[in-house]
Amino acid sequence: MEDIMVIGIAGGTGSGKTTFTNSLKEKFGADVTVVYHDNYYKRHDEMPYEDRCLLNYDHPNAFETELMIDHLEQLRSGKSITCPIYDFSVHNRSNDTMEIFPTKVIVIEGILIFENKALRDLMDIKVFVDTDADERILRRILRDVKERGRSLDSVVSQYLTTVKPMHEQFVEPSKKMADIIVLEGGNNLVALDILMQRVHNHLVGTTM
């Protein structure tokens, strides 16, 4: 459907992507649907938990992005999708799923959503949330320890062995694909207001 706007919100781990996304959702409510790239991490039932802990979750190959592209195309055509749910506590997809319905605005969030051209080409607006690396790692530690039950040692080890090098190899270069680069993360209220005005104009000018 031509009246559906797709917004991609990318950036490094802990950059403030979710703050941006949540602000849009809180402002526009049912007119905004959010699809998280994280839910499309590949299923690894064939591996024990200990082996799944060692996987590189910050490489593009960790995701089933082709399924996300298919789902986004369905949403853009006005169809609902059955979205997977990822369980970070066990490093695997949950057996649960959730049905997502198309709305006037679809937000896609993830660290690597600009890395894939086919996915990128489905977006109308591409926003990269850019935040200082020190601040990002601190946010990552707090989130993973408090919300995902990880140990401090495991979070630091993962950051140094995969998160940081993958950010430098894939995430940071994808910034040049963005239409808007937001400095200071989710605290940049000026950038947020500009994006909200663009969404508002779209909603006022379209009907489902």
N, C-alpha and C. Protein backbone atom coordinates (compact mmCIF):
# COMPACT_ATOMS: atom_id res chain seq x y z
N MET A 1 0.85 -1.19 0.00
CA MET A 1 0.00 0.00 0.00
C MET A 1 0.88 1.24 0.00
N GLU A 2 0.63 2.16 -0.92
CA GLU A 2 1.50 3.30 -1.09
C GLU A 2 1.43 4.28 0.08
N ASP A 3 0.39 4.20 0.90
CA ASP A 3 0.25 5.14 1.99
C ASP A 3 0.90 4.65 3.28
N ILE A 4 1.68 3.58 3.22
CA ILE A 4 2.43 3.10 4.38
C ILE A 4 3.85 3.64 4.33
N MET A 5 4.27 4.31 5.40
CA MET A 5 5.63 4.83 5.51
C MET A 5 6.46 3.87 6.35
N VAL A 6 7.65 3.53 5.87
CA VAL A 6 8.55 2.65 6.60
C VAL A 6 9.77 3.46 7.05
N ILE A 7 10.02 3.45 8.35
CA ILE A 7 11.15 4.18 8.93
C ILE A 7 12.13 3.17 9.52
N GLY A 8 13.38 3.24 9.11
CA GLY A 8 14.41 2.39 9.68
C GLY A 8 15.21 3.18 10.71
N ILE A 9 15.36 2.60 11.89
CA ILE A 9 16.14 3.24 12.94
C ILE A 9 17.29 2.32 13.32
N ALA A 10 18.50 2.72 12.95
CA ALA A 10 19.69 1.91 13.17
C ALA A 10 20.66 2.65 14.08
N GLY A 11 21.77 1.98 14.41
CA GLY A 11 22.79 2.55 15.27
C GLY A 11 23.42 1.45 16.09
N GLY A 12 24.54 1.76 16.70
CA GLY A 12 25.25 0.77 17.49
C GLY A 12 24.50 0.35 18.73
N THR A 13 24.97 -0.72 19.36
CA THR A 13 24.36 -1.19 20.60
C THR A 13 24.39 -0.08 21.65
N GLY A 14 23.26 0.13 22.32
CA GLY A 14 23.19 1.14 23.36
C GLY A 14 23.19 2.57 22.87
N SER A 15 22.91 2.79 21.59
CA SER A 15 22.99 4.14 21.03
C SER A 15 21.77 5.00 21.35
N GLY A 16 20.67 4.37 21.68
CA GLY A 16 19.44 5.12 21.93
C GLY A 16 18.37 4.87 20.89
N LYS A 17 18.53 3.83 20.09
CA LYS A 17 17.54 3.49 19.07
C LYS A 17 16.16 3.27 19.68
N THR A 18 16.13 2.50 20.76
CA THR A 18 14.84 2.15 21.36
C THR A 18 14.17 3.38 21.97
N THR A 19 14.95 4.31 22.48
CA THR A 19 14.38 5.56 23.00
C THR A 19 13.66 6.30 21.89
N PHE A 20 14.29 6.38 20.73
CA PHE A 20 13.68 7.02 19.56
C PHE A 20 12.40 6.28 19.16
N THR A 21 12.52 4.96 19.06
CA THR A 21 11.38 4.15 18.65
C THR A 21 10.22 4.28 19.62
N ASN A 22 10.51 4.18 20.90
CA ASN A 22 9.45 4.28 21.91
C ASN A 22 8.78 5.65 21.91
N SER A 23 9.55 6.69 21.63
CA SER A 23 8.98 8.04 21.58
C SER A 23 7.97 8.15 20.45
N LEU A 24 8.30 7.56 19.30
CA LEU A 24 7.36 7.57 18.18
C LEU A 24 6.10 6.77 18.51
N LYS A 25 6.30 5.62 19.13
CA LYS A 25 5.17 4.76 19.49
C LYS A 25 4.26 5.44 20.51
N GLU A 26 4.87 6.11 21.49
CA GLU A 26 4.08 6.79 22.52
C GLU A 26 3.31 7.98 21.93
N LYS A 27 3.92 8.65 20.98
CA LYS A 27 3.30 9.84 20.38
C LYS A 27 2.14 9.46 19.47
N PHE A 28 2.31 8.43 18.65
CA PHE A 28 1.33 8.13 17.61
C PHE A 28 0.54 6.85 17.85
N GLY A 29 0.87 6.12 18.89
CA GLY A 29 0.06 4.99 19.33
C GLY A 29 -0.19 3.95 18.26
N ALA A 30 -1.46 3.66 18.02
CA ALA A 30 -1.87 2.57 17.14
C ALA A 30 -1.53 2.82 15.67
N ASP A 31 -1.12 4.03 15.33
CA ASP A 31 -0.75 4.32 13.94
C ASP A 31 0.67 3.86 13.62
N VAL A 32 1.40 3.40 14.65
CA VAL A 32 2.79 2.97 14.45
C VAL A 32 2.96 1.51 14.85
N THR A 33 3.53 0.74 13.95
CA THR A 33 3.90 -0.66 14.23
C THR A 33 5.42 -0.76 14.26
N VAL A 34 5.95 -1.50 15.23
CA VAL A 34 7.40 -1.65 15.36
C VAL A 34 7.79 -3.10 15.10
N VAL A 35 8.80 -3.29 14.25
CA VAL A 35 9.34 -4.61 13.97
C VAL A 35 10.82 -4.58 14.32
N TYR A 36 11.24 -5.47 15.23
CA TYR A 36 12.62 -5.46 15.71
C TYR A 36 13.44 -6.53 14.98
N HIS A 37 14.58 -6.12 14.44
CA HIS A 37 15.47 -7.06 13.76
C HIS A 37 15.93 -8.16 14.72
N ASP A 38 16.06 -7.82 16.00
CA ASP A 38 16.52 -8.79 17.01
C ASP A 38 15.64 -10.03 17.04
N ASN A 39 14.36 -9.88 16.75
CA ASN A 39 13.47 -11.04 16.78
C ASN A 39 13.73 -12.01 15.64
N TYR A 40 14.55 -11.60 14.69
CA TYR A 40 14.86 -12.43 13.54
C TYR A 40 16.22 -13.10 13.64
N TYR A 41 16.79 -13.13 14.86
CA TYR A 41 17.97 -13.96 15.06
C TYR A 41 17.62 -15.40 14.69
N LYS A 42 18.54 -16.09 14.07
CA LYS A 42 18.28 -17.46 13.62
C LYS A 42 18.06 -18.40 14.81
N ARG A 43 17.23 -19.38 14.60
CA ARG A 43 16.98 -20.41 15.61
C ARG A 43 18.13 -21.41 15.59
N HIS A 44 18.55 -21.82 16.78
CA HIS A 44 19.64 -22.80 16.88
C HIS A 44 19.28 -23.88 17.89
N ASP A 45 18.22 -24.62 17.58
CA ASP A 45 17.82 -25.72 18.45
C ASP A 45 18.84 -26.84 18.46
N GLU A 46 19.68 -26.90 17.43
CA GLU A 46 20.65 -27.99 17.31
C GLU A 46 21.83 -27.82 18.25
N MET A 47 21.94 -26.65 18.87
CA MET A 47 23.08 -26.36 19.74
C MET A 47 22.66 -26.34 21.21
N PRO A 48 23.52 -26.82 22.09
CA PRO A 48 23.26 -26.63 23.53
C PRO A 48 23.45 -25.17 23.90
N TYR A 49 22.92 -24.78 25.03
CA TYR A 49 22.98 -23.39 25.49
C TYR A 49 24.42 -22.87 25.52
N GLU A 50 25.35 -23.69 26.01
CA GLU A 50 26.73 -23.26 26.13
C GLU A 50 27.33 -22.86 24.78
N ASP A 51 26.97 -23.60 23.73
CA ASP A 51 27.47 -23.28 22.40
C ASP A 51 26.79 -22.05 21.82
N ARG A 52 25.50 -21.90 22.12
CA ARG A 52 24.79 -20.72 21.63
C ARG A 52 25.36 -19.44 22.25
N CYS A 53 25.85 -19.55 23.46
CA CYS A 53 26.46 -18.38 24.12
C CYS A 53 27.69 -17.87 23.38
N LEU A 54 28.32 -18.74 22.63
CA LEU A 54 29.58 -18.40 21.97
C LEU A 54 29.39 -17.86 20.55
N LEU A 55 28.17 -17.85 20.05
CA LEU A 55 27.91 -17.39 18.69
C LEU A 55 28.13 -15.88 18.57
N ASN A 56 28.45 -15.45 17.37
CA ASN A 56 28.62 -14.03 17.08
C ASN A 56 27.25 -13.45 16.69
N TYR A 57 26.63 -12.73 17.61
CA TYR A 57 25.30 -12.18 17.38
C TYR A 57 25.33 -10.79 16.76
N ASP A 58 26.50 -10.32 16.41
CA ASP A 58 26.62 -8.98 15.84
C ASP A 58 27.07 -9.01 14.38
N HIS A 59 27.04 -10.21 13.78
CA HIS A 59 27.37 -10.36 12.37
C HIS A 59 26.06 -10.48 11.57
N PRO A 60 26.01 -9.95 10.35
CA PRO A 60 24.79 -10.06 9.55
C PRO A 60 24.28 -11.48 9.38
N ASN A 61 25.17 -12.47 9.37
CA ASN A 61 24.75 -13.86 9.19
C ASN A 61 23.99 -14.42 10.39
N ALA A 62 23.99 -13.69 11.51
CA ALA A 62 23.28 -14.16 12.70
C ALA A 62 21.77 -14.01 12.54
N PHE A 63 21.35 -13.23 11.55
CA PHE A 63 19.93 -12.91 11.38
C PHE A 63 19.32 -13.62 10.18
N GLU A 64 18.05 -13.92 10.29
CA GLU A 64 17.28 -14.42 9.14
C GLU A 64 16.62 -13.21 8.47
N THR A 65 17.46 -12.37 7.89
CA THR A 65 16.99 -11.11 7.34
C THR A 65 16.05 -11.32 6.15
N GLU A 66 16.24 -12.42 5.41
CA GLU A 66 15.35 -12.69 4.28
C GLU A 66 13.90 -12.82 4.74
N LEU A 67 13.70 -13.43 5.91
CA LEU A 67 12.34 -13.55 6.45
C LEU A 67 11.80 -12.18 6.83
N MET A 68 12.64 -11.34 7.39
CA MET A 68 12.19 -9.99 7.75
C MET A 68 11.80 -9.19 6.51
N ILE A 69 12.58 -9.34 5.44
CA ILE A 69 12.25 -8.66 4.19
C ILE A 69 10.90 -9.12 3.67
N ASP A 70 10.68 -10.43 3.70
CA ASP A 70 9.40 -10.98 3.26
C ASP A 70 8.25 -10.44 4.10
N HIS A 71 8.47 -10.38 5.41
CA HIS A 71 7.43 -9.88 6.31
C HIS A 71 7.14 -8.40 6.06
N LEU A 72 8.20 -7.63 5.83
CA LEU A 72 8.00 -6.20 5.58
C LEU A 72 7.24 -5.98 4.28
N GLU A 73 7.55 -6.77 3.28
CA GLU A 73 6.82 -6.67 2.01
C GLU A 73 5.34 -7.00 2.21
N GLN A 74 5.06 -7.99 3.06
CA GLN A 74 3.67 -8.33 3.36
C GLN A 74 2.97 -7.18 4.08
N LEU A 75 3.64 -6.60 5.05
CA LEU A 75 3.04 -5.47 5.78
C LEU A 75 2.78 -4.30 4.84
N ARG A 76 3.72 -4.04 3.96
CA ARG A 76 3.54 -2.92 3.02
C ARG A 76 2.40 -3.18 2.04
N SER A 77 2.08 -4.45 1.82
CA SER A 77 0.96 -4.78 0.93
C SER A 77 -0.36 -4.87 1.69
N GLY A 78 -0.33 -4.56 3.00
CA GLY A 78 -1.56 -4.55 3.78
C GLY A 78 -1.89 -5.85 4.48
N LYS A 79 -0.95 -6.79 4.54
CA LYS A 79 -1.20 -8.09 5.16
C LYS A 79 -0.54 -8.15 6.54
N SER A 80 -1.13 -8.92 7.44
CA SER A 80 -0.52 -9.14 8.75
C SER A 80 0.56 -10.21 8.64
N ILE A 81 1.44 -10.26 9.63
CA ILE A 81 2.52 -11.24 9.64
C ILE A 81 2.57 -11.97 10.99
N THR A 82 3.17 -13.14 10.98
CA THR A 82 3.44 -13.87 12.22
C THR A 82 4.92 -13.72 12.51
N CYS A 83 5.24 -12.84 13.46
CA CYS A 83 6.63 -12.47 13.73
C CYS A 83 7.22 -13.39 14.79
N PRO A 84 8.45 -13.86 14.59
CA PRO A 84 9.11 -14.65 15.63
C PRO A 84 9.42 -13.79 16.85
N ILE A 85 9.66 -14.44 17.97
CA ILE A 85 10.06 -13.76 19.21
C ILE A 85 11.36 -14.39 19.69
N TYR A 86 12.34 -13.55 19.95
CA TYR A 86 13.64 -14.06 20.39
C TYR A 86 13.76 -13.95 21.90
N ASP A 87 14.27 -15.00 22.53
CA ASP A 87 14.45 -15.05 23.98
C ASP A 87 15.93 -14.89 24.29
N PHE A 88 16.32 -13.71 24.75
CA PHE A 88 17.73 -13.44 25.02
C PHE A 88 18.27 -14.23 26.20
N SER A 89 17.39 -14.67 27.09
CA SER A 89 17.86 -15.40 28.27
C SER A 89 18.39 -16.79 27.92
N VAL A 90 17.95 -17.33 26.77
CA VAL A 90 18.41 -18.66 26.36
C VAL A 90 19.16 -18.61 25.02
N HIS A 91 19.35 -17.41 24.49
CA HIS A 91 20.06 -17.25 23.20
C HIS A 91 19.39 -18.08 22.10
N ASN A 92 18.08 -18.00 22.01
CA ASN A 92 17.39 -18.76 20.97
C ASN A 92 16.00 -18.18 20.77
N ARG A 93 15.41 -18.52 19.64
CA ARG A 93 14.04 -18.11 19.41
C ARG A 93 13.09 -18.82 20.35
N SER A 94 12.11 -18.06 20.79
CA SER A 94 11.04 -18.65 21.60
C SER A 94 10.13 -19.47 20.70
N ASN A 95 9.36 -20.35 21.30
CA ASN A 95 8.33 -21.08 20.54
C ASN A 95 7.10 -20.21 20.32
N ASP A 96 7.04 -19.08 21.00
CA ASP A 96 5.93 -18.14 20.84
C ASP A 96 6.16 -17.25 19.63
N THR A 97 5.10 -16.74 19.07
CA THR A 97 5.16 -15.76 17.99
C THR A 97 4.15 -14.66 18.29
N MET A 98 4.17 -13.60 17.52
CA MET A 98 3.17 -12.55 17.68
C MET A 98 2.68 -12.08 16.32
N GLU A 99 1.39 -11.81 16.26
CA GLU A 99 0.83 -11.33 15.01
C GLU A 99 0.96 -9.82 14.96
N ILE A 100 1.49 -9.32 13.86
CA ILE A 100 1.68 -7.88 13.68
C ILE A 100 0.84 -7.44 12.48
N PHE A 101 0.10 -6.37 12.69
CA PHE A 101 -0.80 -5.87 11.65
C PHE A 101 -0.22 -4.61 11.00
N PRO A 102 -0.49 -4.39 9.74
CA PRO A 102 0.03 -3.20 9.06
C PRO A 102 -0.64 -1.93 9.59
N THR A 103 0.12 -0.87 9.69
CA THR A 103 -0.38 0.43 10.09
C THR A 103 0.17 1.48 9.13
N LYS A 104 -0.20 2.73 9.34
CA LYS A 104 0.24 3.79 8.44
C LYS A 104 1.75 4.01 8.51
N VAL A 105 2.33 3.72 9.68
CA VAL A 105 3.77 3.89 9.85
C VAL A 105 4.36 2.62 10.43
N ILE A 106 5.38 2.08 9.79
CA ILE A 106 6.07 0.89 10.27
C ILE A 106 7.51 1.28 10.59
N VAL A 107 7.93 1.03 11.83
CA VAL A 107 9.29 1.32 12.25
C VAL A 107 10.06 0.02 12.35
N ILE A 108 11.22 -0.03 11.71
CA ILE A 108 12.12 -1.18 11.81
C ILE A 108 13.33 -0.73 12.63
N GLU A 109 13.67 -1.51 13.64
CA GLU A 109 14.79 -1.13 14.50
C GLU A 109 15.82 -2.25 14.56
N GLY A 110 17.11 -1.87 14.51
CA GLY A 110 18.16 -2.87 14.63
C GLY A 110 19.52 -2.30 14.31
N ILE A 111 20.56 -2.97 14.79
CA ILE A 111 21.91 -2.45 14.59
C ILE A 111 22.37 -2.60 13.13
N LEU A 112 21.84 -3.60 12.42
CA LEU A 112 22.38 -3.93 11.10
C LEU A 112 21.35 -3.79 9.97
N ILE A 113 20.27 -3.06 10.20
CA ILE A 113 19.21 -3.00 9.19
C ILE A 113 19.62 -2.22 7.94
N PHE A 114 20.66 -1.39 8.02
CA PHE A 114 21.12 -0.67 6.83
C PHE A 114 22.18 -1.45 6.06
N GLU A 115 22.67 -2.55 6.65
CA GLU A 115 23.72 -3.33 6.01
C GLU A 115 23.20 -4.10 4.81
N ASN A 116 21.92 -4.50 4.85
CA ASN A 116 21.32 -5.30 3.79
C ASN A 116 20.59 -4.38 2.80
N LYS A 117 21.02 -4.37 1.55
CA LYS A 117 20.45 -3.44 0.57
C LYS A 117 18.97 -3.72 0.30
N ALA A 118 18.60 -5.00 0.18
CA ALA A 118 17.20 -5.33 -0.10
C ALA A 118 16.28 -4.83 1.00
N LEU A 119 16.73 -4.96 2.25
CA LEU A 119 15.93 -4.45 3.37
C LEU A 119 15.94 -2.93 3.38
N ARG A 120 17.10 -2.37 3.15
CA ARG A 120 17.24 -0.91 3.14
C ARG A 120 16.36 -0.25 2.09
N ASP A 121 16.23 -0.90 0.95
CA ASP A 121 15.46 -0.32 -0.15
C ASP A 121 13.96 -0.27 0.13
N LEU A 122 13.52 -0.99 1.15
CA LEU A 122 12.09 -0.96 1.51
C LEU A 122 11.76 0.18 2.46
N MET A 123 12.78 0.93 2.88
CA MET A 123 12.57 2.01 3.85
C MET A 123 12.41 3.36 3.15
N ASP A 124 11.49 4.15 3.68
CA ASP A 124 11.28 5.50 3.15
C ASP A 124 12.18 6.52 3.84
N ILE A 125 12.45 6.31 5.11
CA ILE A 125 13.34 7.19 5.87
C ILE A 125 14.31 6.31 6.66
N LYS A 126 15.58 6.64 6.58
CA LYS A 126 16.61 5.87 7.30
C LYS A 126 17.29 6.78 8.32
N VAL A 127 17.16 6.41 9.59
CA VAL A 127 17.70 7.21 10.69
C VAL A 127 18.80 6.42 11.39
N PHE A 128 19.98 7.03 11.53
CA PHE A 128 21.07 6.39 12.27
C PHE A 128 21.30 7.17 13.55
N VAL A 129 21.14 6.48 14.68
CA VAL A 129 21.34 7.11 15.99
C VAL A 129 22.79 6.91 16.40
N ASP A 130 23.51 8.01 16.51
CA ASP A 130 24.96 7.98 16.70
C ASP A 130 25.31 8.48 18.11
N THR A 131 25.97 7.63 18.89
CA THR A 131 26.30 7.96 20.27
C THR A 131 27.73 7.55 20.58
N ASP A 132 28.38 8.28 21.46
CA ASP A 132 29.75 8.00 21.85
C ASP A 132 29.90 6.56 22.32
N ALA A 133 31.01 5.92 21.94
CA ALA A 133 31.22 4.50 22.24
C ALA A 133 31.25 4.22 23.74
N ASP A 134 31.84 5.09 24.53
CA ASP A 134 31.89 4.87 25.97
C ASP A 134 30.49 4.82 26.58
N GLU A 135 29.65 5.72 26.13
CA GLU A 135 28.29 5.75 26.63
C GLU A 135 27.52 4.51 26.19
N ARG A 136 27.76 4.06 24.97
CA ARG A 136 27.07 2.89 24.46
C ARG A 136 27.42 1.63 25.23
N ILE A 137 28.69 1.42 25.56
CA ILE A 137 29.08 0.20 26.28
C ILE A 137 28.51 0.22 27.70
N LEU A 138 28.47 1.39 28.33
CA LEU A 138 27.87 1.47 29.66
C LEU A 138 26.39 1.11 29.63
N ARG A 139 25.69 1.60 28.63
CA ARG A 139 24.27 1.26 28.49
C ARG A 139 24.10 -0.24 28.23
N ARG A 140 24.99 -0.78 27.41
CA ARG A 140 24.93 -2.21 27.09
C ARG A 140 25.12 -3.06 28.34
N ILE A 141 26.08 -2.69 29.16
CA ILE A 141 26.34 -3.44 30.39
C ILE A 141 25.12 -3.40 31.31
N LEU A 142 24.58 -2.21 31.52
CA LEU A 142 23.42 -2.07 32.41
C LEU A 142 22.24 -2.87 31.90
N ARG A 143 21.99 -2.80 30.60
CA ARG A 143 20.86 -3.53 30.02
C ARG A 143 21.03 -5.03 30.13
N ASP A 144 22.17 -5.54 29.72
CA ASP A 144 22.37 -6.99 29.68
C ASP A 144 22.42 -7.61 31.08
N VAL A 145 22.98 -6.88 32.03
CA VAL A 145 23.06 -7.41 33.39
C VAL A 145 21.69 -7.34 34.07
N LYS A 146 21.01 -6.20 33.95
CA LYS A 146 19.75 -6.00 34.66
C LYS A 146 18.57 -6.68 33.98
N GLU A 147 18.51 -6.61 32.64
CA GLU A 147 17.32 -7.07 31.92
C GLU A 147 17.48 -8.47 31.33
N ARG A 148 18.70 -8.88 31.05
CA ARG A 148 18.89 -10.15 30.35
C ARG A 148 19.64 -11.18 31.18
N GLY A 149 19.91 -10.86 32.43
CA GLY A 149 20.49 -11.83 33.35
C GLY A 149 21.91 -12.25 33.05
N ARG A 150 22.67 -11.41 32.35
CA ARG A 150 24.05 -11.75 32.01
C ARG A 150 25.00 -11.34 33.14
N SER A 151 26.14 -11.99 33.21
CA SER A 151 27.17 -11.57 34.16
C SER A 151 27.98 -10.43 33.55
N LEU A 152 28.59 -9.63 34.42
CA LEU A 152 29.40 -8.52 33.94
C LEU A 152 30.55 -9.01 33.08
N ASP A 153 31.20 -10.09 33.51
CA ASP A 153 32.33 -10.63 32.75
C ASP A 153 31.91 -11.06 31.35
N SER A 154 30.75 -11.69 31.24
CA SER A 154 30.29 -12.17 29.93
C SER A 154 29.95 -11.02 29.00
N VAL A 155 29.38 -9.95 29.54
CA VAL A 155 29.02 -8.80 28.73
C VAL A 155 30.28 -8.12 28.20
N VAL A 156 31.26 -7.92 29.08
CA VAL A 156 32.51 -7.27 28.67
C VAL A 156 33.26 -8.13 27.64
N SER A 157 33.30 -9.45 27.88
CA SER A 157 33.97 -10.34 26.95
C SER A 157 33.31 -10.31 25.58
N GLN A 158 31.97 -10.36 25.56
CA GLN A 158 31.25 -10.32 24.28
C GLN A 158 31.49 -9.00 23.56
N TYR A 159 31.51 -7.92 24.31
CA TYR A 159 31.72 -6.61 23.69
C TYR A 159 33.09 -6.54 23.01
N LEU A 160 34.12 -7.03 23.69
CA LEU A 160 35.47 -6.93 23.15
C LEU A 160 35.72 -7.89 21.99
N THR A 161 35.10 -9.08 22.04
CA THR A 161 35.39 -10.10 21.02
C THR A 161 34.51 -10.00 19.78
N THR A 162 33.26 -9.57 19.94
CA THR A 162 32.37 -9.52 18.77
C THR A 162 31.68 -8.17 18.57
N VAL A 163 31.12 -7.59 19.63
CA VAL A 163 30.32 -6.37 19.46
C VAL A 163 31.15 -5.23 18.87
N LYS A 164 32.29 -4.93 19.49
CA LYS A 164 33.12 -3.82 19.02
C LYS A 164 33.67 -4.05 17.61
N PRO A 165 34.30 -5.21 17.34
CA PRO A 165 34.81 -5.40 15.97
C PRO A 165 33.72 -5.43 14.91
N MET A 166 32.55 -6.01 15.23
CA MET A 166 31.46 -6.05 14.26
C MET A 166 30.87 -4.66 14.04
N HIS A 167 30.86 -3.86 15.10
CA HIS A 167 30.40 -2.47 14.94
C HIS A 167 31.29 -1.74 13.96
N GLU A 168 32.60 -1.92 14.13
CA GLU A 168 33.55 -1.23 13.25
C GLU A 168 33.48 -1.75 11.81
N GLN A 169 33.19 -3.04 11.66
CA GLN A 169 33.17 -3.63 10.32
C GLN A 169 31.86 -3.40 9.58
N PHE A 170 30.73 -3.44 10.30
CA PHE A 170 29.43 -3.41 9.62
C PHE A 170 28.54 -2.23 10.01
N VAL A 171 28.44 -1.95 11.30
CA VAL A 171 27.48 -0.94 11.75
C VAL A 171 27.92 0.47 11.38
N GLU A 172 29.15 0.82 11.76
CA GLU A 172 29.64 2.17 11.49
C GLU A 172 29.65 2.50 10.00
N PRO A 173 30.11 1.59 9.12
CA PRO A 173 30.06 1.90 7.69
C PRO A 173 28.65 2.10 7.15
N SER A 174 27.65 1.46 7.78
CA SER A 174 26.28 1.59 7.29
C SER A 174 25.69 2.96 7.58
N LYS A 175 26.38 3.74 8.41
CA LYS A 175 25.89 5.08 8.75
C LYS A 175 25.76 5.96 7.51
N LYS A 176 26.63 5.72 6.54
CA LYS A 176 26.61 6.55 5.34
C LYS A 176 25.36 6.31 4.50
N MET A 177 24.62 5.24 4.79
CA MET A 177 23.38 4.95 4.08
C MET A 177 22.18 5.72 4.64
N ALA A 178 22.38 6.37 5.80
CA ALA A 178 21.26 7.02 6.48
C ALA A 178 20.87 8.33 5.80
N ASP A 179 19.59 8.65 5.89
CA ASP A 179 19.09 9.96 5.45
C ASP A 179 19.29 10.99 6.55
N ILE A 180 19.19 10.54 7.80
CA ILE A 180 19.33 11.41 8.96
C ILE A 180 20.28 10.76 9.96
N ILE A 181 21.28 11.49 10.42
CA ILE A 181 22.17 11.01 11.47
C ILE A 181 21.88 11.81 12.74
N VAL A 182 21.47 11.11 13.78
CA VAL A 182 21.07 11.75 15.03
C VAL A 182 22.22 11.65 16.03
N LEU A 183 22.79 12.79 16.38
CA LEU A 183 23.87 12.82 17.36
C LEU A 183 23.29 12.83 18.78
N GLU A 184 24.04 12.30 19.72
CA GLU A 184 23.66 12.26 21.13
C GLU A 184 22.46 11.35 21.39
N GLY A 185 22.26 10.39 20.52
CA GLY A 185 21.26 9.35 20.76
C GLY A 185 19.86 9.84 20.95
N GLY A 186 19.13 9.14 21.84
CA GLY A 186 17.73 9.44 22.05
C GLY A 186 17.49 10.74 22.78
N ASN A 187 18.56 11.41 23.23
CA ASN A 187 18.41 12.68 23.93
C ASN A 187 18.35 13.87 22.99
N ASN A 188 18.47 13.64 21.71
CA ASN A 188 18.43 14.72 20.73
C ASN A 188 16.97 15.04 20.41
N LEU A 189 16.39 15.93 21.20
CA LEU A 189 14.96 16.23 21.07
C LEU A 189 14.65 17.00 19.80
N VAL A 190 15.61 17.75 19.29
CA VAL A 190 15.38 18.49 18.04
C VAL A 190 15.18 17.52 16.89
N ALA A 191 16.08 16.54 16.78
CA ALA A 191 15.95 15.54 15.72
C ALA A 191 14.65 14.74 15.88
N LEU A 192 14.31 14.40 17.12
CA LEU A 192 13.08 13.65 17.37
C LEU A 192 11.86 14.46 16.95
N ASP A 193 11.86 15.74 17.25
CA ASP A 193 10.73 16.59 16.87
C ASP A 193 10.58 16.67 15.35
N ILE A 194 11.71 16.75 14.65
CA ILE A 194 11.67 16.82 13.18
C ILE A 194 11.07 15.53 12.62
N LEU A 195 11.50 14.39 13.15
CA LEU A 195 10.97 13.12 12.67
C LEU A 195 9.49 12.99 13.01
N MET A 196 9.11 13.42 14.20
CA MET A 196 7.69 13.35 14.59
C MET A 196 6.84 14.22 13.68
N GLN A 197 7.35 15.37 13.28
CA GLN A 197 6.59 16.23 12.38
C GLN A 197 6.42 15.57 11.02
N ARG A 198 7.46 14.88 10.55
CA ARG A 198 7.36 14.17 9.27
C ARG A 198 6.31 13.06 9.36
N VAL A 199 6.30 12.33 10.48
CA VAL A 199 5.31 11.27 10.68
C VAL A 199 3.91 11.87 10.76
N HIS A 200 3.78 12.95 11.49
CA HIS A 200 2.47 13.62 11.62
C HIS A 200 1.94 14.04 10.25
N ASN A 201 2.80 14.63 9.43
CA ASN A 201 2.37 15.06 8.10
C ASN A 201 1.92 13.88 7.26
N HIS A 202 2.62 12.77 7.41
CA HIS A 202 2.24 11.57 6.66
C HIS A 202 0.87 11.06 7.12
N LEU A 203 0.67 11.01 8.41
CA LEU A 203 -0.59 10.49 8.94
C LEU A 203 -1.77 11.38 8.57
N VAL A 204 -1.57 12.66 8.59
CA VAL A 204 -2.64 13.59 8.24
C VAL A 204 -3.01 13.47 6.76
N GLY A 205 -2.01 13.16 5.95
CA GLY A 205 -2.23 13.13 4.51
C GLY A 205 -2.63 11.81 3.94
N THR A 206 -2.78 10.76 4.79
CA THR A 206 -3.12 9.44 4.28
C THR A 206 -4.26 8.84 5.07
N THR A 207 -4.88 7.87 4.48
CA THR A 207 -5.91 7.08 5.15
C THR A 207 -5.69 5.62 4.81
N MET A 208 -5.97 4.74 5.74
CA MET A 208 -5.81 3.30 5.49
C MET A 208 -7.06 2.76 4.81
